[in-house]
Amino acid sequence: MKYMIPVALLLALSGCERNTPGSQDSAEDVASPESVATEKAADDLDQPLKGHVGRAGLYRLVRSGGLIDDPSTSTGKSVLKPVVELVRTTDRIPLIKGGQMYLQYRIWPLPEQVAYADLRRVLKHPPMTLPDGSVSTGSDYMLKAKVSAQQAIGYTGYGLDEDYELVEGDWIFEIWYQDIKMIDQKFTTYRPDQEEIAKLEPILALGNRAVGQDEPTGKPFSKFDFPRITIGGKKAPAPAGTVNESSDNTE
């Protein structure tokens, strides 16, 4: 099931110090704190936008709030409030039910006074035949990302929860800001051998048990129902050999 995780993670990341020419001793030459802050903001905005991918890899689903109808996803469904753990950092994803492919993205420097940035999230994947006979090759939708300290940090990903989603090939995640592609991450799915299946199935199987169908809420679908991942909080026990990257989120 598709996990569309437009997530704003409020992480305080330190910036680089910038050397400036020394000022003279005259009081008239000493810049006020306000002018220094204004000049720094202007300098930051003059820098080209940058995008960075981190924590890309194979995850497992720890728990979720169930499925909702979501017309903007590849399958027409998405998962509420998934909590995931990093199993391993990789760009190769084995086709095992319960596996999740996720990545963290960071985009900066954004305008200082902007609270949210409009981002476009694009997913391209191998042809997938849905239960109704239609064929899906991806999704394309807009999201609002929280901006803090002139940067937007979030997660996006996809969960392999149904047999028809186990398609082999390249899965490409893109994040666009205005007309600039800031993030471009490719995962390659493959058929694992029996040894790898035996090793990973017990770890990933929790995802199959965690995803369930909630009772209809009666309210129309909203982008605010997407999962928002927050790194931190109480960590769930991790099986031997996994990296515990527990995260609380809402999809």
C-alpha atoms as a PDB file:
ATOM      1  CA  MET A   1       0.000   0.000   0.000  1.00  0.00           C
ATOM      2  CA  LYS A   2       1.288   3.366  -0.902  1.00  0.00           C
ATOM      3  CA  TYR A   3       2.616   5.438   1.999  1.00  0.00           C
ATOM      4  CA  MET A   4       2.647   9.038   1.048  1.00  0.00           C
ATOM      5  CA  ILE A   5       4.444  10.751   3.785  1.00  0.00           C
ATOM      6  CA  PRO A   6       4.576  14.440   3.297  1.00  0.00           C
ATOM      7  CA  VAL A   7       6.320  15.099   6.526  1.00  0.00           C
ATOM      8  CA  ALA A   8       7.893  18.177   8.017  1.00  0.00           C
ATOM      9  CA  LEU A   9      10.551  17.198  10.557  1.00  0.00           C
ATOM     10  CA  LEU A  10      11.554  20.120  12.729  1.00  0.00           C
ATOM     11  CA  LEU A  11      15.248  19.391  13.104  1.00  0.00           C
ATOM     12  CA  ALA A  12      17.677  22.110  14.149  1.00  0.00           C
ATOM     13  CA  LEU A  13      20.668  21.776  11.846  1.00  0.00           C
ATOM     14  CA  SER A  14      23.705  23.960  12.401  1.00  0.00           C
ATOM     15  CA  GLY A  15      24.876  26.174   9.566  1.00  0.00           C
ATOM     16  CA  CYS A  16      28.379  27.047   8.436  1.00  0.00           C
ATOM     17  CA  GLU A  17      30.123  30.110   9.780  1.00  0.00           C
ATOM     18  CA  ARG A  18      30.890  32.743   7.219  1.00  0.00           C
ATOM     19  CA  ASN A  19      34.004  34.887   7.581  1.00  0.00           C
ATOM     20  CA  THR A  20      33.609  38.588   6.978  1.00  0.00           C
ATOM     21  CA  PRO A  21      36.244  41.321   6.713  1.00  0.00           C
ATOM     22  CA  GLY A  22      37.110  42.907  10.048  1.00  0.00           C
ATOM     23  CA  SER A  23      35.533  46.249  10.816  1.00  0.00           C
ATOM     24  CA  GLN A  24      37.386  49.361  11.933  1.00  0.00           C
ATOM     25  CA  ASP A  25      37.291  50.573  15.534  1.00  0.00           C
ATOM     26  CA  SER A  26      35.008  53.503  14.788  1.00  0.00           C
ATOM     27  CA  ALA A  27      31.562  53.191  16.375  1.00  0.00           C
ATOM     28  CA  GLU A  28      29.980  54.332  13.118  1.00  0.00           C
ATOM     29  CA  ASP A  29      31.401  51.229  11.417  1.00  0.00           C
ATOM     30  CA  VAL A  30      29.825  48.752  13.837  1.00  0.00           C
ATOM     31  CA  ALA A  31      26.751  47.117  12.273  1.00  0.00           C
ATOM     32  CA  SER A  32      23.629  46.729  14.388  1.00  0.00           C
ATOM     33  CA  PRO A  33      22.335  43.195  15.139  1.00  0.00           C
ATOM     34  CA  GLU A  34      19.245  43.949  13.070  1.00  0.00           C
ATOM     35  CA  SER A  35      21.246  44.902   9.990  1.00  0.00           C
ATOM     36  CA  VAL A  36      23.516  41.863  10.364  1.00  0.00           C
ATOM     37  CA  ALA A  37      20.453  39.556  10.534  1.00  0.00           C
ATOM     38  CA  THR A  38      18.926  41.249   7.476  1.00  0.00           C
ATOM     39  CA  GLU A  39      22.156  40.928   5.501  1.00  0.00           C
ATOM     40  CA  LYS A  40      22.528  37.254   6.495  1.00  0.00           C
ATOM     41  CA  ALA A  41      18.971  36.458   5.409  1.00  0.00           C
ATOM     42  CA  ALA A  42      19.588  38.195   2.094  1.00  0.00           C
ATOM     43  CA  ASP A  43      22.850  36.243   1.636  1.00  0.00           C
ATOM     44  CA  ASP A  44      21.050  32.960   2.371  1.00  0.00           C
ATOM     45  CA  LEU A  45      18.365  33.711  -0.183  1.00  0.00           C
ATOM     46  CA  ASP A  46      21.051  34.460  -2.771  1.00  0.00           C
ATOM     47  CA  GLN A  47      22.335  30.900  -2.393  1.00  0.00           C
ATOM     48  CA  PRO A  48      20.986  28.309  -4.842  1.00  0.00           C
ATOM     49  CA  LEU A  49      18.437  25.866  -3.438  1.00  0.00           C
ATOM     50  CA  LYS A  50      19.898  22.530  -2.442  1.00  0.00           C
ATOM     51  CA  GLY A  51      18.313  19.132  -1.912  1.00  0.00           C
ATOM     52  CA  HIS A  52      19.681  16.206   0.082  1.00  0.00           C
ATOM     53  CA  VAL A  53      18.540  12.598   0.531  1.00  0.00           C
ATOM     54  CA  GLY A  54      19.217  10.751   3.776  1.00  0.00           C
ATOM     55  CA  ARG A  55      18.145   7.527   5.520  1.00  0.00           C
ATOM     56  CA  ALA A  56      17.086   5.948   2.231  1.00  0.00           C
ATOM     57  CA  GLY A  57      16.505   2.248   2.508  1.00  0.00           C
ATOM     58  CA  LEU A  58      14.434  -0.743   3.560  1.00  0.00           C
ATOM     59  CA  TYR A  59      12.069  -0.146   6.485  1.00  0.00           C
ATOM     60  CA  ARG A  60       9.497  -2.221   8.329  1.00  0.00           C
ATOM     61  CA  LEU A  61       6.096  -1.062   9.530  1.00  0.00           C
ATOM     62  CA  VAL A  62       5.683  -1.204  13.309  1.00  0.00           C
ATOM     63  CA  ARG A  63       2.091   0.004  13.587  1.00  0.00           C
ATOM     64  CA  SER A  64      -0.496   2.042  11.719  1.00  0.00           C
ATOM     65  CA  GLY A  65      -3.970   3.482  11.987  1.00  0.00           C
ATOM     66  CA  GLY A  66      -5.370   1.465   9.099  1.00  0.00           C
ATOM     67  CA  LEU A  67      -6.209   2.121   5.470  1.00  0.00           C
ATOM     68  CA  ILE A  68      -8.056   5.036   3.921  1.00  0.00           C
ATOM     69  CA  ASP A  69      -9.278   5.658   0.401  1.00  0.00           C
ATOM     70  CA  ASP A  70      -6.863   8.022  -1.311  1.00  0.00           C
ATOM     71  CA  PRO A  71      -7.434   8.864  -4.991  1.00  0.00           C
ATOM     72  CA  SER A  72      -4.002  10.481  -5.407  1.00  0.00           C
ATOM     73  CA  THR A  73      -1.992   7.288  -4.752  1.00  0.00           C
ATOM     74  CA  SER A  74      -0.982   4.541  -7.159  1.00  0.00           C
ATOM     75  CA  THR A  75      -3.387   2.040  -5.603  1.00  0.00           C
ATOM     76  CA  GLY A  76      -6.156   4.375  -4.445  1.00  0.00           C
ATOM     77  CA  LYS A  77      -5.333   3.606  -0.802  1.00  0.00           C
ATOM     78  CA  SER A  78      -2.965   4.989   1.823  1.00  0.00           C
ATOM     79  CA  VAL A  79      -2.117   4.130   5.424  1.00  0.00           C
ATOM     80  CA  LEU A  80      -2.944   6.284   8.437  1.00  0.00           C
ATOM     81  CA  LYS A  81      -0.366   6.975  11.138  1.00  0.00           C
ATOM     82  CA  PRO A  82       2.326   4.483  10.150  1.00  0.00           C
ATOM     83  CA  VAL A  83       5.298   4.044  12.479  1.00  0.00           C
ATOM     84  CA  VAL A  84       8.353   2.621  10.744  1.00  0.00           C
ATOM     85  CA  GLU A  85      11.829   1.339  11.607  1.00  0.00           C
ATOM     86  CA  LEU A  86      14.908   1.333   9.419  1.00  0.00           C
ATOM     87  CA  VAL A  87      16.065  -2.217   8.659  1.00  0.00           C
ATOM     88  CA  ARG A  88      19.012  -1.302   6.454  1.00  0.00           C
ATOM     89  CA  THR A  89      20.292   1.588   4.364  1.00  0.00           C
ATOM     90  CA  THR A  90      20.168   0.545   0.722  1.00  0.00           C
ATOM     91  CA  ASP A  91      18.811   1.428  -2.704  1.00  0.00           C
ATOM     92  CA  ARG A  92      17.937  -2.220  -3.448  1.00  0.00           C
ATOM     93  CA  ILE A  93      14.599  -3.360  -2.048  1.00  0.00           C
ATOM     94  CA  PRO A  94      13.668  -7.058  -1.888  1.00  0.00           C
ATOM     95  CA  LEU A  95      10.134  -7.876  -3.012  1.00  0.00           C
ATOM     96  CA  ILE A  96       8.787  -9.240   0.269  1.00  0.00           C
ATOM     97  CA  LYS A  97       5.348  -8.344   1.608  1.00  0.00           C
ATOM     98  CA  GLY A  98       5.630  -5.952   4.530  1.00  0.00           C
ATOM     99  CA  GLY A  99       8.757  -4.238   3.214  1.00  0.00           C
ATOM    100  CA  GLN A 100       8.767  -0.463   2.999  1.00  0.00           C
ATOM    101  CA  MET A 101      11.014   1.800   0.934  1.00  0.00           C
ATOM    102  CA  TYR A 102      11.505   5.232   2.464  1.00  0.00           C
ATOM    103  CA  LEU A 103      13.776   8.233   2.177  1.00  0.00           C
ATOM    104  CA  GLN A 104      14.285  11.439   4.105  1.00  0.00           C
ATOM    105  CA  TYR A 105      14.598  14.653   2.116  1.00  0.00           C
ATOM    106  CA  ARG A 106      15.943  18.065   3.044  1.00  0.00           C
ATOM    107  CA  ILE A 107      15.510  21.216   0.927  1.00  0.00           C
ATOM    108  CA  TRP A 108      17.170  24.537   1.815  1.00  0.00           C
ATOM    109  CA  PRO A 109      17.513  27.555   1.994  1.00  0.00           C
ATOM    110  CA  LEU A 110      13.848  28.495   1.598  1.00  0.00           C
ATOM    111  CA  PRO A 111      12.492  32.027   2.214  1.00  0.00           C
ATOM    112  CA  GLU A 112      12.869  32.868   5.889  1.00  0.00           C
ATOM    113  CA  GLN A 113       9.295  34.024   6.524  1.00  0.00           C
ATOM    114  CA  VAL A 114       7.588  31.128   4.743  1.00  0.00           C
ATOM    115  CA  ALA A 115       5.779  28.731   7.124  1.00  0.00           C
ATOM    116  CA  TYR A 116       4.962  26.092   4.492  1.00  0.00           C
ATOM    117  CA  ALA A 117       6.425  25.276   1.089  1.00  0.00           C
ATOM    118  CA  ASP A 118       4.335  23.877  -1.758  1.00  0.00           C
ATOM    119  CA  LEU A 119       6.178  20.808  -3.004  1.00  0.00           C
ATOM    120  CA  ARG A 120       5.326  18.411  -5.796  1.00  0.00           C
ATOM    121  CA  ARG A 121       5.929  14.739  -5.061  1.00  0.00           C
ATOM    122  CA  VAL A 122       6.269  12.381  -8.036  1.00  0.00           C
ATOM    123  CA  LEU A 123       6.627   8.588  -7.964  1.00  0.00           C
ATOM    124  CA  LYS A 124       7.396   6.498 -11.064  1.00  0.00           C
ATOM    125  CA  HIS A 125       7.338   2.722 -10.734  1.00  0.00           C
ATOM    126  CA  PRO A 126       7.104  -0.373 -12.963  1.00  0.00           C
ATOM    127  CA  PRO A 127       3.644  -1.157 -14.365  1.00  0.00           C
ATOM    128  CA  MET A 128       1.380  -2.542 -11.633  1.00  0.00           C
ATOM    129  CA  THR A 129      -1.928  -4.246 -12.422  1.00  0.00           C
ATOM    130  CA  LEU A 130      -4.523  -3.302  -9.804  1.00  0.00           C
ATOM    131  CA  PRO A 131      -7.396  -5.571  -8.685  1.00  0.00           C
ATOM    132  CA  ASP A 132      -9.843  -3.690 -10.959  1.00  0.00           C
ATOM    133  CA  GLY A 133      -7.671  -4.493 -14.003  1.00  0.00           C
ATOM    134  CA  SER A 134      -6.271  -0.996 -14.451  1.00  0.00           C
ATOM    135  CA  VAL A 135      -2.529  -0.447 -14.714  1.00  0.00           C
ATOM    136  CA  SER A 136      -0.671   2.086 -12.550  1.00  0.00           C
ATOM    137  CA  THR A 137       2.829   3.420 -13.225  1.00  0.00           C
ATOM    138  CA  GLY A 138       3.074   6.016 -10.450  1.00  0.00           C
ATOM    139  CA  SER A 139       1.529   9.048  -8.819  1.00  0.00           C
ATOM    140  CA  ASP A 140       1.898  12.818  -8.821  1.00  0.00           C
ATOM    141  CA  TYR A 141       0.510  15.159  -6.164  1.00  0.00           C
ATOM    142  CA  MET A 142       1.164  18.384  -4.255  1.00  0.00           C
ATOM    143  CA  LEU A 143       2.002  18.614  -0.570  1.00  0.00           C
ATOM    144  CA  LYS A 144       2.653  21.367   1.941  1.00  0.00           C
ATOM    145  CA  ALA A 145       5.934  20.943   3.801  1.00  0.00           C
ATOM    146  CA  LYS A 146       6.609  22.726   7.087  1.00  0.00           C
ATOM    147  CA  VAL A 147       9.488  25.193   6.829  1.00  0.00           C
ATOM    148  CA  SER A 148      11.714  25.742   9.857  1.00  0.00           C
ATOM    149  CA  ALA A 149      15.061  27.566   9.875  1.00  0.00           C
ATOM    150  CA  GLN A 150      14.657  28.066   6.095  1.00  0.00           C
ATOM    151  CA  GLN A 151      14.543  24.341   5.410  1.00  0.00           C
ATOM    152  CA  ALA A 152      11.918  21.674   4.745  1.00  0.00           C
ATOM    153  CA  ILE A 153      12.673  18.196   6.061  1.00  0.00           C
ATOM    154  CA  GLY A 154      10.351  15.283   5.461  1.00  0.00           C
ATOM    155  CA  TYR A 155       9.921  11.621   4.627  1.00  0.00           C
ATOM    156  CA  THR A 156       8.243   9.907   1.716  1.00  0.00           C
ATOM    157  CA  GLY A 157       7.945   6.260   0.848  1.00  0.00           C
ATOM    158  CA  TYR A 158       5.959   3.266  -0.331  1.00  0.00           C
ATOM    159  CA  GLY A 159       4.871   0.061   1.400  1.00  0.00           C
ATOM    160  CA  LEU A 160       4.788  -3.294  -0.375  1.00  0.00           C
ATOM    161  CA  ASP A 161       1.696  -4.707   1.317  1.00  0.00           C
ATOM    162  CA  GLU A 162      -0.181  -6.431  -1.511  1.00  0.00           C
ATOM    163  CA  ASP A 163       0.864  -9.187  -3.910  1.00  0.00           C
ATOM    164  CA  TYR A 164       0.115  -7.014  -6.944  1.00  0.00           C
ATOM    165  CA  GLU A 165       2.563  -4.375  -5.655  1.00  0.00           C
ATOM    166  CA  LEU A 166       5.507  -6.778  -5.838  1.00  0.00           C
ATOM    167  CA  VAL A 167       6.725  -5.564  -9.225  1.00  0.00           C
ATOM    168  CA  GLU A 168      10.380  -5.693 -10.150  1.00  0.00           C
ATOM    169  CA  GLY A 169      12.314  -2.710 -11.487  1.00  0.00           C
ATOM    170  CA  ASP A 170      13.142   0.934 -10.770  1.00  0.00           C
ATOM    171  CA  TRP A 171      11.050   3.075  -8.399  1.00  0.00           C
ATOM    172  CA  ILE A 172      11.935   6.764  -8.702  1.00  0.00           C
ATOM    173  CA  PHE A 173      10.902   9.345  -6.095  1.00  0.00           C
ATOM    174  CA  GLU A 174      11.099  13.037  -7.023  1.00  0.00           C
ATOM    175  CA  ILE A 175      10.435  16.168  -4.988  1.00  0.00           C
ATOM    176  CA  TRP A 176       9.992  19.412  -6.907  1.00  0.00           C
ATOM    177  CA  TYR A 177       9.995  22.982  -5.615  1.00  0.00           C
ATOM    178  CA  GLN A 178       8.318  25.266  -8.158  1.00  0.00           C
ATOM    179  CA  ASP A 179       9.924  24.140 -11.447  1.00  0.00           C
ATOM    180  CA  ILE A 180      13.126  22.782  -9.899  1.00  0.00           C
ATOM    181  CA  LYS A 181      13.627  19.081  -9.192  1.00  0.00           C
ATOM    182  CA  MET A 182      15.264  19.050  -5.761  1.00  0.00           C
ATOM    183  CA  ILE A 183      15.186  15.332  -4.899  1.00  0.00           C
ATOM    184  CA  ASP A 184      15.705  12.351  -7.200  1.00  0.00           C
ATOM    185  CA  GLN A 185      16.040   8.982  -5.469  1.00  0.00           C
ATOM    186  CA  LYS A 186      15.915   5.626  -7.219  1.00  0.00           C
ATOM    187  CA  PHE A 187      15.217   2.287  -5.543  1.00  0.00           C
ATOM    188  CA  THR A 188      15.496  -0.961  -7.479  1.00  0.00           C
ATOM    189  CA  THR A 189      13.225  -3.810  -6.432  1.00  0.00           C
ATOM    190  CA  TYR A 190      14.342  -7.416  -7.025  1.00  0.00           C
ATOM    191  CA  ARG A 191      13.310 -11.015  -6.375  1.00  0.00           C
ATOM    192  CA  PRO A 192      15.250 -12.218  -3.330  1.00  0.00           C
ATOM    193  CA  ASP A 193      16.529 -15.775  -2.964  1.00  0.00           C
ATOM    194  CA  GLN A 194      15.160 -18.181  -0.364  1.00  0.00           C
ATOM    195  CA  GLU A 195      17.965 -17.434   2.096  1.00  0.00           C
ATOM    196  CA  GLU A 196      17.197 -13.703   2.102  1.00  0.00           C
ATOM    197  CA  ILE A 197      13.461 -14.328   2.307  1.00  0.00           C
ATOM    198  CA  ALA A 198      13.948 -16.562   5.362  1.00  0.00           C
ATOM    199  CA  LYS A 199      16.058 -13.873   7.023  1.00  0.00           C
ATOM    200  CA  LEU A 200      13.821 -10.872   6.290  1.00  0.00           C
ATOM    201  CA  GLU A 201      10.300 -12.292   6.453  1.00  0.00           C
ATOM    202  CA  PRO A 202      10.213 -12.497  10.272  1.00  0.00           C
ATOM    203  CA  ILE A 203      11.407  -8.885  10.463  1.00  0.00           C
ATOM    204  CA  LEU A 204       9.033  -7.501   7.836  1.00  0.00           C
ATOM    205  CA  ALA A 205       6.006  -9.657   8.696  1.00  0.00           C
ATOM    206  CA  LEU A 206       4.910  -7.184  11.357  1.00  0.00           C
ATOM    207  CA  GLY A 207       3.945  -4.823   8.558  1.00  0.00           C
ATOM    208  CA  ASN A 208       1.308  -7.257   7.315  1.00  0.00           C
ATOM    209  CA  ARG A 209      -0.255  -7.473  10.775  1.00  0.00           C
ATOM    210  CA  ALA A 210      -0.027  -3.716  11.440  1.00  0.00           C
ATOM    211  CA  VAL A 211      -2.026  -2.597   8.403  1.00  0.00           C
ATOM    212  CA  GLY A 212      -5.786  -2.927   8.822  1.00  0.00           C
ATOM    213  CA  GLN A 213      -8.914  -1.341   7.430  1.00  0.00           C
ATOM    214  CA  ASP A 214     -10.392   1.245   9.751  1.00  0.00           C
ATOM    215  CA  GLU A 215     -14.135   1.811   9.851  1.00  0.00           C
ATOM    216  CA  PRO A 216     -15.167   4.613   7.451  1.00  0.00           C
ATOM    217  CA  THR A 217     -14.959   8.010   9.111  1.00  0.00           C
ATOM    218  CA  GLY A 218     -17.669   9.577   6.967  1.00  0.00           C
ATOM    219  CA  LYS A 219     -15.476  12.608   6.268  1.00  0.00           C
ATOM    220  CA  PRO A 220     -14.033  13.468   2.817  1.00  0.00           C
ATOM    221  CA  PHE A 221     -10.419  12.661   2.107  1.00  0.00           C
ATOM    222  CA  SER A 222      -7.980  15.386   3.106  1.00  0.00           C
ATOM    223  CA  LYS A 223      -4.264  15.854   2.454  1.00  0.00           C
ATOM    224  CA  PHE A 224      -3.974  16.480   6.205  1.00  0.00           C
ATOM    225  CA  ASP A 225      -4.736  12.777   6.684  1.00  0.00           C
ATOM    226  CA  PHE A 226      -1.367  11.888   5.165  1.00  0.00           C
ATOM    227  CA  PRO A 227       1.221  10.387   7.552  1.00  0.00           C
ATOM    228  CA  ARG A 228       3.629  12.850   9.112  1.00  0.00           C
ATOM    229  CA  ILE A 229       6.738  11.192  10.500  1.00  0.00           C
ATOM    230  CA  THR A 230       8.438  12.574  13.599  1.00  0.00           C
ATOM    231  CA  ILE A 231      11.804  11.110  14.439  1.00  0.00           C
ATOM    232  CA  GLY A 232      12.187  10.343  18.139  1.00  0.00           C
ATOM    233  CA  GLY A 233       9.910   9.242  20.921  1.00  0.00           C
ATOM    234  CA  LYS A 234       9.697   5.801  22.480  1.00  0.00           C
ATOM    235  CA  LYS A 235      11.413   3.190  20.378  1.00  0.00           C
ATOM    236  CA  ALA A 236       9.838  -0.167  19.685  1.00  0.00           C
ATOM    237  CA  PRO A 237      11.914  -3.299  20.245  1.00  0.00           C
ATOM    238  CA  ALA A 238      13.861  -4.174  17.116  1.00  0.00           C
ATOM    239  CA  PRO A 239      14.691  -7.697  15.979  1.00  0.00           C
ATOM    240  CA  ALA A 240      18.349  -8.675  15.988  1.00  0.00           C
ATOM    241  CA  GLY A 241      20.200  -7.205  13.031  1.00  0.00           C
ATOM    242  CA  THR A 242      17.946  -4.186  12.516  1.00  0.00           C
ATOM    243  CA  VAL A 243      18.637  -0.512  13.012  1.00  0.00           C
ATOM    244  CA  ASN A 244      15.907   0.942  15.248  1.00  0.00           C
ATOM    245  CA  GLU A 245      14.778   4.145  13.527  1.00  0.00           C
ATOM    246  CA  SER A 246      11.381   4.366  15.182  1.00  0.00           C
ATOM    247  CA  SER A 247       9.247   7.279  14.082  1.00  0.00           C
ATOM    248  CA  ASP A 248       5.791   8.486  15.015  1.00  0.00           C
ATOM    249  CA  ASN A 249       3.748   9.697  12.100  1.00  0.00           C
ATOM    250  CA  THR A 250       0.307  10.309  10.643  1.00  0.00           C
ATOM    251  CA  GLU A 251      -0.693   9.418   7.085  1.00  0.00           C
END
